[in-house]
Amino acid sequence: LGKGRLYVGWASCRVEDYIGISRCYKCQALGHIARFCKVDAQVCGHCSGTGHQRKECPKRDEAPECGLCKGLGKEYNHPINGR
């Protein structure tokens, strides 16, 4: 692992400490980008509300709500890209 490679059988795989995960800026979900998003309504990256973007959020002065964590029943008083 010190060389950044892991050998599985006859295959050599590159290994990294960090894996970047794509996030959709339309629905805020993980695993795809806005260009391929199938959701109709825009989801705000600040309040997790629908129908507006982060820059137009009416709750900009309030604490952010991470819609991903909120949906999982976890602490959600942080920006969606904060954890």
N, C-alpha and C. Protein backbone atom coordinates (compact mmCIF):
# COMPACT_ATOMS: atom_id res chain seq x y z
N LEU A 1 0.81 -1.20 0.00
CA LEU A 1 0.00 0.00 0.00
C LEU A 1 0.85 1.26 0.00
N GLY A 2 2.07 1.17 0.48
CA GLY A 2 2.95 2.33 0.51
C GLY A 2 3.27 2.86 -0.88
N LYS A 3 3.16 2.03 -1.89
CA LYS A 3 3.44 2.44 -3.26
C LYS A 3 2.19 2.91 -4.00
N GLY A 4 1.04 2.89 -3.32
CA GLY A 4 -0.19 3.34 -3.95
C GLY A 4 -0.84 2.30 -4.84
N ARG A 5 -0.44 1.04 -4.70
CA ARG A 5 -1.01 -0.03 -5.51
C ARG A 5 -1.41 -1.19 -4.61
N LEU A 6 -2.47 -1.85 -4.99
CA LEU A 6 -2.95 -3.02 -4.29
C LEU A 6 -3.11 -4.12 -5.33
N TYR A 7 -2.57 -5.27 -5.03
CA TYR A 7 -2.64 -6.38 -5.98
C TYR A 7 -3.71 -7.36 -5.54
N VAL A 8 -4.68 -7.58 -6.41
CA VAL A 8 -5.79 -8.50 -6.16
C VAL A 8 -5.74 -9.54 -7.27
N GLY A 9 -5.34 -10.75 -6.89
CA GLY A 9 -5.14 -11.78 -7.91
C GLY A 9 -4.07 -11.33 -8.88
N TRP A 10 -4.40 -11.28 -10.15
CA TRP A 10 -3.45 -10.84 -11.16
C TRP A 10 -3.63 -9.37 -11.52
N ALA A 11 -4.55 -8.71 -10.86
CA ALA A 11 -4.82 -7.30 -11.18
C ALA A 11 -4.09 -6.36 -10.23
N SER A 12 -3.60 -5.28 -10.76
CA SER A 12 -2.95 -4.23 -9.99
C SER A 12 -3.89 -3.03 -9.95
N CYS A 13 -4.30 -2.63 -8.75
CA CYS A 13 -5.26 -1.53 -8.61
C CYS A 13 -4.60 -0.35 -7.91
N ARG A 14 -4.89 0.85 -8.40
CA ARG A 14 -4.38 2.06 -7.78
C ARG A 14 -5.19 2.34 -6.51
N VAL A 15 -4.52 2.71 -5.42
CA VAL A 15 -5.17 2.96 -4.14
C VAL A 15 -4.85 4.38 -3.69
N GLU A 16 -5.86 5.10 -3.20
CA GLU A 16 -5.69 6.45 -2.70
C GLU A 16 -6.36 6.57 -1.34
N ASP A 17 -5.89 7.52 -0.53
CA ASP A 17 -6.49 7.78 0.77
C ASP A 17 -7.83 8.50 0.65
N TYR A 18 -8.03 9.20 -0.45
CA TYR A 18 -9.23 10.01 -0.63
C TYR A 18 -9.85 9.69 -1.98
N ILE A 19 -11.14 9.54 -2.00
CA ILE A 19 -11.86 9.31 -3.26
C ILE A 19 -12.86 10.44 -3.42
N GLY A 20 -12.75 11.17 -4.50
CA GLY A 20 -13.69 12.25 -4.77
C GLY A 20 -15.03 11.68 -5.23
N ILE A 21 -16.09 12.15 -4.63
CA ILE A 21 -17.43 11.69 -4.99
C ILE A 21 -18.17 12.87 -5.62
N SER A 22 -18.74 12.65 -6.78
CA SER A 22 -19.45 13.73 -7.45
C SER A 22 -20.77 14.02 -6.73
N ARG A 23 -21.13 15.31 -6.73
CA ARG A 23 -22.39 15.74 -6.12
C ARG A 23 -23.14 16.60 -7.13
N CYS A 24 -24.40 16.33 -7.27
CA CYS A 24 -25.25 17.07 -8.20
C CYS A 24 -25.62 18.43 -7.61
N TYR A 25 -25.39 19.50 -8.35
CA TYR A 25 -25.74 20.83 -7.88
C TYR A 25 -27.20 21.18 -8.17
N LYS A 26 -27.94 20.26 -8.74
CA LYS A 26 -29.37 20.47 -8.97
C LYS A 26 -30.20 19.85 -7.85
N CYS A 27 -29.94 18.56 -7.54
CA CYS A 27 -30.73 17.88 -6.50
C CYS A 27 -29.93 17.64 -5.23
N GLN A 28 -28.64 17.94 -5.23
CA GLN A 28 -27.72 17.81 -4.10
C GLN A 28 -27.41 16.36 -3.73
N ALA A 29 -27.82 15.40 -4.55
CA ALA A 29 -27.53 13.98 -4.28
C ALA A 29 -26.10 13.64 -4.71
N LEU A 30 -25.61 12.53 -4.21
CA LEU A 30 -24.27 12.07 -4.55
C LEU A 30 -24.31 11.06 -5.68
N GLY A 31 -23.23 10.99 -6.44
CA GLY A 31 -23.09 9.95 -7.44
C GLY A 31 -23.38 10.36 -8.87
N HIS A 32 -23.85 11.58 -9.09
CA HIS A 32 -24.06 12.06 -10.45
C HIS A 32 -23.91 13.58 -10.46
N ILE A 33 -23.90 14.16 -11.65
CA ILE A 33 -23.80 15.61 -11.78
C ILE A 33 -25.08 16.17 -12.40
N ALA A 34 -25.25 17.48 -12.31
CA ALA A 34 -26.50 18.13 -12.74
C ALA A 34 -26.87 17.81 -14.19
N ARG A 35 -25.89 17.70 -15.04
CA ARG A 35 -26.17 17.44 -16.45
C ARG A 35 -26.93 16.13 -16.65
N PHE A 36 -26.73 15.16 -15.76
CA PHE A 36 -27.39 13.86 -15.87
C PHE A 36 -28.50 13.66 -14.83
N CYS A 37 -28.88 14.73 -14.15
CA CYS A 37 -29.89 14.64 -13.09
C CYS A 37 -31.28 14.40 -13.67
N LYS A 38 -32.05 13.52 -13.03
CA LYS A 38 -33.39 13.19 -13.49
C LYS A 38 -34.47 13.85 -12.63
N VAL A 39 -34.06 14.62 -11.63
CA VAL A 39 -35.01 15.31 -10.76
C VAL A 39 -35.48 16.59 -11.44
N ASP A 40 -36.77 16.89 -11.32
CA ASP A 40 -37.33 18.08 -11.96
C ASP A 40 -37.07 19.36 -11.18
N ALA A 41 -37.25 19.32 -9.87
CA ALA A 41 -37.15 20.53 -9.05
C ALA A 41 -35.72 20.78 -8.56
N GLN A 42 -35.33 22.04 -8.58
CA GLN A 42 -34.04 22.46 -8.03
C GLN A 42 -34.08 22.33 -6.52
N VAL A 43 -33.02 21.81 -5.89
CA VAL A 43 -32.92 21.71 -4.44
C VAL A 43 -31.81 22.65 -3.98
N CYS A 44 -32.12 23.47 -3.00
CA CYS A 44 -31.17 24.47 -2.50
C CYS A 44 -30.03 23.80 -1.73
N GLY A 45 -28.82 24.22 -1.98
CA GLY A 45 -27.65 23.70 -1.28
C GLY A 45 -27.47 24.28 0.10
N HIS A 46 -28.30 25.27 0.48
CA HIS A 46 -28.19 25.87 1.82
C HIS A 46 -29.27 25.35 2.76
N CYS A 47 -30.53 25.43 2.33
CA CYS A 47 -31.64 25.07 3.23
C CYS A 47 -32.29 23.73 2.88
N SER A 48 -31.90 23.14 1.77
CA SER A 48 -32.47 21.88 1.27
C SER A 48 -33.92 22.03 0.82
N GLY A 49 -34.37 23.27 0.67
CA GLY A 49 -35.71 23.52 0.15
C GLY A 49 -35.72 23.35 -1.36
N THR A 50 -36.90 23.26 -1.95
CA THR A 50 -37.00 23.07 -3.39
C THR A 50 -37.47 24.35 -4.07
N GLY A 51 -37.16 24.45 -5.35
CA GLY A 51 -37.64 25.55 -6.16
C GLY A 51 -36.72 26.75 -6.25
N HIS A 52 -35.56 26.72 -5.60
CA HIS A 52 -34.62 27.84 -5.70
C HIS A 52 -33.19 27.33 -5.54
N GLN A 53 -32.25 28.15 -5.98
CA GLN A 53 -30.83 27.83 -5.85
C GLN A 53 -30.28 28.46 -4.58
N ARG A 54 -29.08 28.02 -4.20
CA ARG A 54 -28.41 28.52 -3.01
C ARG A 54 -28.28 30.06 -3.01
N LYS A 55 -27.90 30.62 -4.16
CA LYS A 55 -27.68 32.07 -4.23
C LYS A 55 -28.97 32.87 -4.08
N GLU A 56 -30.13 32.23 -4.27
CA GLU A 56 -31.43 32.90 -4.15
C GLU A 56 -32.17 32.47 -2.88
N CYS A 57 -31.50 31.77 -1.98
CA CYS A 57 -32.15 31.18 -0.81
C CYS A 57 -32.74 32.24 0.12
N PRO A 58 -34.03 32.13 0.46
CA PRO A 58 -34.64 33.09 1.38
C PRO A 58 -34.19 32.87 2.83
N LYS A 59 -33.52 31.76 3.11
CA LYS A 59 -33.05 31.45 4.47
C LYS A 59 -31.54 31.61 4.60
N ARG A 60 -30.94 32.45 3.76
CA ARG A 60 -29.48 32.62 3.78
C ARG A 60 -28.95 33.06 5.14
N ASP A 61 -29.75 33.81 5.89
CA ASP A 61 -29.32 34.31 7.19
C ASP A 61 -29.48 33.28 8.30
N GLU A 62 -30.12 32.17 8.01
CA GLU A 62 -30.32 31.11 9.00
C GLU A 62 -29.23 30.05 8.86
N ALA A 63 -29.16 29.16 9.83
CA ALA A 63 -28.16 28.08 9.79
C ALA A 63 -28.45 27.16 8.60
N PRO A 64 -27.40 26.64 7.96
CA PRO A 64 -27.61 25.73 6.83
C PRO A 64 -28.17 24.39 7.30
N GLU A 65 -28.80 23.69 6.37
CA GLU A 65 -29.33 22.35 6.65
C GLU A 65 -28.84 21.41 5.56
N CYS A 66 -28.11 20.39 5.94
CA CYS A 66 -27.63 19.39 5.00
C CYS A 66 -28.76 18.39 4.74
N GLY A 67 -29.31 18.43 3.54
CA GLY A 67 -30.41 17.54 3.19
C GLY A 67 -30.02 16.08 3.19
N LEU A 68 -28.76 15.79 2.88
CA LEU A 68 -28.30 14.39 2.88
C LEU A 68 -28.33 13.82 4.30
N CYS A 69 -27.76 14.56 5.25
CA CYS A 69 -27.74 14.09 6.64
C CYS A 69 -29.14 14.09 7.26
N LYS A 70 -29.93 15.10 6.91
CA LYS A 70 -31.30 15.18 7.44
C LYS A 70 -32.10 13.96 7.01
N GLY A 71 -31.94 13.55 5.77
CA GLY A 71 -32.64 12.38 5.26
C GLY A 71 -32.22 11.08 5.92
N LEU A 72 -30.98 11.07 6.45
CA LEU A 72 -30.47 9.88 7.13
C LEU A 72 -30.72 9.91 8.63
N GLY A 73 -31.36 10.98 9.12
CA GLY A 73 -31.64 11.09 10.54
C GLY A 73 -30.42 11.45 11.37
N LYS A 74 -29.43 12.10 10.75
CA LYS A 74 -28.21 12.50 11.45
C LYS A 74 -28.23 14.01 11.67
N GLU A 75 -27.25 14.50 12.45
CA GLU A 75 -27.13 15.94 12.67
C GLU A 75 -26.99 16.63 11.32
N TYR A 76 -27.77 17.67 11.08
CA TYR A 76 -27.78 18.29 9.76
C TYR A 76 -27.54 19.80 9.77
N ASN A 77 -27.14 20.36 10.89
CA ASN A 77 -26.90 21.81 10.96
C ASN A 77 -25.50 22.16 10.49
N HIS A 78 -25.21 21.83 9.24
CA HIS A 78 -23.94 22.15 8.60
C HIS A 78 -24.18 22.25 7.10
N PRO A 79 -23.28 22.92 6.38
CA PRO A 79 -23.44 22.99 4.92
C PRO A 79 -23.38 21.61 4.29
N ILE A 80 -24.03 21.45 3.17
CA ILE A 80 -24.09 20.15 2.51
C ILE A 80 -22.70 19.67 2.09
N ASN A 81 -21.80 20.59 1.83
CA ASN A 81 -20.44 20.20 1.44
C ASN A 81 -19.48 20.25 2.62
N GLY A 82 -19.99 20.33 3.84
CA GLY A 82 -19.15 20.49 5.02
C GLY A 82 -18.60 19.21 5.60
N ARG A 83 -19.13 18.05 5.22
CA ARG A 83 -18.66 16.80 5.83
C ARG A 83 -18.53 15.72 4.80
